[in-house]
Each structure stands twice: as structure tokens, then as C-alpha cells.
């Protein structure tokens, strides 16, 4: 239901309500409708989740490659030490 549809419905129903208390329902209904319109759409949330997952994967890949490089460096250093001590 679009904002225009809600406004048409409100205008159509105004003559039905006779009391001041009844008339106070309309601003509340308009606020509720506005709240629903401002809520995040499922597609937007899904896109944000996908983006976060991609960012996490990228960080994980960077950390994994960094640790792999560090381990390889340590292995090379240990090999050099063993060779130096064997002399």
C-alpha cells in the first residue's frame, strides 16, 4: 500500500468518525505506515549480509596467507640454523 493509498483511505474514512478521539487515530495510523515504509527492505539486508560475508572472507584469506608466509619463514630460519650448527 503506497502513501497515496493510505491518504485516500484516511480521507475516505474521516466522515465516518464523529468524535475527537476517533480523529486522533489517523495521525497514529499515518505514523505506523511511515514506520513500515522506513523499515529496511529484505533485499537491502541481504545485500549487506553478503557484503559482510565477503569482507570476512577477505580478512580470513589475508590472515591465512600472512600466517602461511610467517611459518614458511620460520621453517627456512630453522633449516639455516640447523645447517649452521652442523658445521
Protein backbone atom coordinates (compact mmCIF):
# COMPACT_ATOMS: atom_id res chain seq x y z
CA UNK A 1 0.00 0.00 0.00
CA UNK A 2 1.52 3.29 -1.07
CA UNK A 3 1.44 6.54 0.85
CA UNK A 4 -1.15 7.90 -1.58
CA UNK A 5 -3.37 4.87 -0.97
CA UNK A 6 -3.16 5.40 2.78
CA UNK A 7 -4.04 9.08 2.40
CA UNK A 8 -7.03 8.23 0.19
CA UNK A 9 -8.23 5.68 2.74
CA UNK A 10 -7.84 8.16 5.59
CA UNK A 11 -9.71 10.87 3.69
CA UNK A 12 -12.48 8.45 2.77
CA UNK A 13 -12.92 7.33 6.38
CA UNK A 14 -12.78 10.75 8.07
CA UNK A 15 -16.51 11.48 7.66
CA UNK A 16 -17.34 8.16 9.34
CA UNK A 17 -15.70 9.21 12.61
CA UNK A 18 -17.62 11.72 14.64
CA UNK A 19 -15.66 12.13 17.88
CA UNK A 20 -12.41 13.92 18.54
CA UNK A 21 -10.91 10.70 19.96
CA UNK A 22 -11.70 8.88 16.74
CA UNK A 23 -9.99 11.61 14.73
CA UNK A 24 -6.79 11.12 16.79
CA UNK A 25 -6.43 7.61 15.34
CA UNK A 26 -5.43 8.96 11.94
CA UNK A 27 -2.10 10.54 12.93
CA UNK A 28 -1.19 7.31 14.69
CA UNK A 29 -2.09 5.29 11.60
CA UNK A 30 0.00 7.63 9.47
CA UNK A 31 2.97 7.26 11.83
CA UNK A 32 2.68 3.47 11.73
CA UNK A 33 2.51 3.49 7.94
CA UNK A 34 5.54 5.77 7.77
CA UNK A 35 7.42 3.41 10.09
CA UNK A 36 6.71 0.46 7.83
CA UNK A 37 7.89 2.41 4.81
CA UNK A 38 11.15 3.33 6.54
CA UNK A 39 11.96 -0.23 7.62
CA UNK A 40 14.86 -1.88 5.88
CA UNK A 41 13.81 -3.97 2.95
CA UNK A 42 14.79 -7.67 2.89
CA UNK A 43 16.82 -7.17 -0.27
CA UNK A 44 18.81 -4.37 1.40
CA UNK A 45 19.53 -6.51 4.44
CA UNK A 46 20.50 -9.49 2.27
CA UNK A 47 22.89 -7.28 0.28
CA UNK A 48 24.52 -6.00 3.49
CA UNK A 49 24.90 -9.55 4.83
CA UNK A 50 26.50 -10.65 1.54
CA UNK A 51 28.89 -7.70 1.69
CA UNK A 52 29.83 -8.53 5.29
CA UNK A 53 30.43 -12.17 4.41
CA UNK A 54 32.70 -11.13 1.53
CA UNK A 55 34.63 -8.78 3.83
CA UNK A 56 35.06 -11.52 6.44
CA UNK A 57 36.27 -13.95 3.77
CA UNK A 58 38.77 -11.38 2.52
CA UNK A 59 40.13 -10.80 6.05
CA UNK A 60 40.33 -14.56 6.66
CA UNK A 61 42.23 -15.05 3.39
CA UNK A 62 44.66 -12.25 4.26
CA UNK A 63 45.30 -13.70 7.72
CA UNK A 64 45.74 -17.20 6.36
CA UNK A 65 48.25 -16.09 3.73
CA UNK A 66 50.14 -14.00 6.30
CA UNK A 67 50.42 -16.92 8.74
CA UNK A 68 51.47 -19.24 5.93
CA UNK A 69 54.23 -16.82 4.92
CA UNK A 70 55.39 -16.47 8.54
CA UNK A 71 55.52 -20.24 9.06
CA UNK A 72 57.50 -20.67 5.84
CA UNK A 73 59.96 -18.01 7.02
CA UNK A 74 60.34 -19.75 10.38
CA UNK A 75 60.91 -23.11 8.67
CA UNK A 76 63.59 -21.55 6.48
CA UNK A 77 65.27 -19.96 9.52
CA UNK A 78 65.24 -23.28 11.41
CA UNK A 79 66.78 -25.03 8.41
CA UNK A 80 69.52 -22.36 8.19
CA UNK A 81 70.22 -22.72 11.93
CA UNK A 82 70.46 -26.50 11.64
CA UNK A 83 72.86 -26.16 8.74
CA UNK A 84 74.96 -23.59 10.61
CA UNK A 85 75.14 -25.76 13.75
CA UNK A 86 76.01 -28.87 11.75
CA UNK A 87 79.23 -27.27 10.53
